[in-house]
């Protein structure tokens, strides 16, 4: 059996990283927006 050195195709990894990065950005931007709307005392 031949072993494939690259487990996932490059495009799949790029799409996964773009999705993960946009999710993290969206998550933190929503927290910032929510903290500006709700004043916690």
C-alpha atoms as a PDB file:
ATOM      1  CA  UNK A   1       0.000   0.000   0.000  1.00  0.00           C
ATOM      2  CA  UNK A   2       1.176   3.479  -0.800  1.00  0.00           C
ATOM      3  CA  UNK A   3       0.865   6.036   1.958  1.00  0.00           C
ATOM      4  CA  UNK A   4      -0.380   9.441   0.991  1.00  0.00           C
ATOM      5  CA  UNK A   5       1.812  12.070   2.656  1.00  0.00           C
ATOM      6  CA  UNK A   6      -0.922  14.675   2.427  1.00  0.00           C
ATOM      7  CA  UNK A   7      -4.008  13.479   4.293  1.00  0.00           C
ATOM      8  CA  UNK A   8      -6.415  16.143   3.051  1.00  0.00           C
ATOM      9  CA  UNK A   9      -6.449  17.963  -0.285  1.00  0.00           C
ATOM     10  CA  UNK A  10      -5.105  21.491  -0.114  1.00  0.00           C
ATOM     11  CA  UNK A  11      -8.396  23.127  -1.110  1.00  0.00           C
ATOM     12  CA  UNK A  12     -10.273  21.398   1.681  1.00  0.00           C
ATOM     13  CA  UNK A  13      -7.770  22.656   4.248  1.00  0.00           C
ATOM     14  CA  UNK A  14      -8.007  26.207   2.871  1.00  0.00           C
ATOM     15  CA  UNK A  15     -11.801  26.177   2.988  1.00  0.00           C
ATOM     16  CA  UNK A  16     -11.779  24.783   6.526  1.00  0.00           C
ATOM     17  CA  UNK A  17      -9.329  27.472   7.693  1.00  0.00           C
ATOM     18  CA  UNK A  18     -11.328  30.253   6.005  1.00  0.00           C
ATOM     19  CA  UNK A  19     -14.529  28.987   7.616  1.00  0.00           C
ATOM     20  CA  UNK A  20     -12.860  28.639  11.022  1.00  0.00           C
ATOM     21  CA  UNK A  21     -11.285  32.098  10.802  1.00  0.00           C
ATOM     22  CA  UNK A  22     -14.535  33.761   9.765  1.00  0.00           C
ATOM     23  CA  UNK A  23     -16.378  31.953  12.562  1.00  0.00           C
ATOM     24  CA  UNK A  24     -13.894  33.198  15.171  1.00  0.00           C
ATOM     25  CA  UNK A  25     -14.055  36.750  13.770  1.00  0.00           C
ATOM     26  CA  UNK A  26     -17.867  36.686  13.748  1.00  0.00           C
ATOM     27  CA  UNK A  27     -17.955  35.298  17.297  1.00  0.00           C
ATOM     28  CA  UNK A  28     -15.749  38.035  18.764  1.00  0.00           C
ATOM     29  CA  UNK A  29     -17.398  40.819  16.771  1.00  0.00           C
ATOM     30  CA  UNK A  30     -20.783  39.714  18.099  1.00  0.00           C
ATOM     31  CA  UNK A  31     -19.476  39.787  21.672  1.00  0.00           C
ATOM     32  CA  UNK A  32     -18.126  43.303  21.117  1.00  0.00           C
ATOM     33  CA  UNK A  33     -21.401  44.465  19.581  1.00  0.00           C
ATOM     34  CA  UNK A  34     -23.408  42.876  22.388  1.00  0.00           C
ATOM     35  CA  UNK A  35     -21.207  44.435  25.078  1.00  0.00           C
ATOM     36  CA  UNK A  36     -21.793  47.840  23.499  1.00  0.00           C
ATOM     37  CA  UNK A  37     -25.550  47.339  23.570  1.00  0.00           C
ATOM     38  CA  UNK A  38     -25.903  45.828  27.037  1.00  0.00           C
ATOM     39  CA  UNK A  39     -24.475  47.905  29.846  1.00  0.00           C
ATOM     40  CA  UNK A  40     -23.662  45.560  32.689  1.00  0.00           C
ATOM     41  CA  UNK A  41     -23.383  47.312  36.027  1.00  0.00           C
END
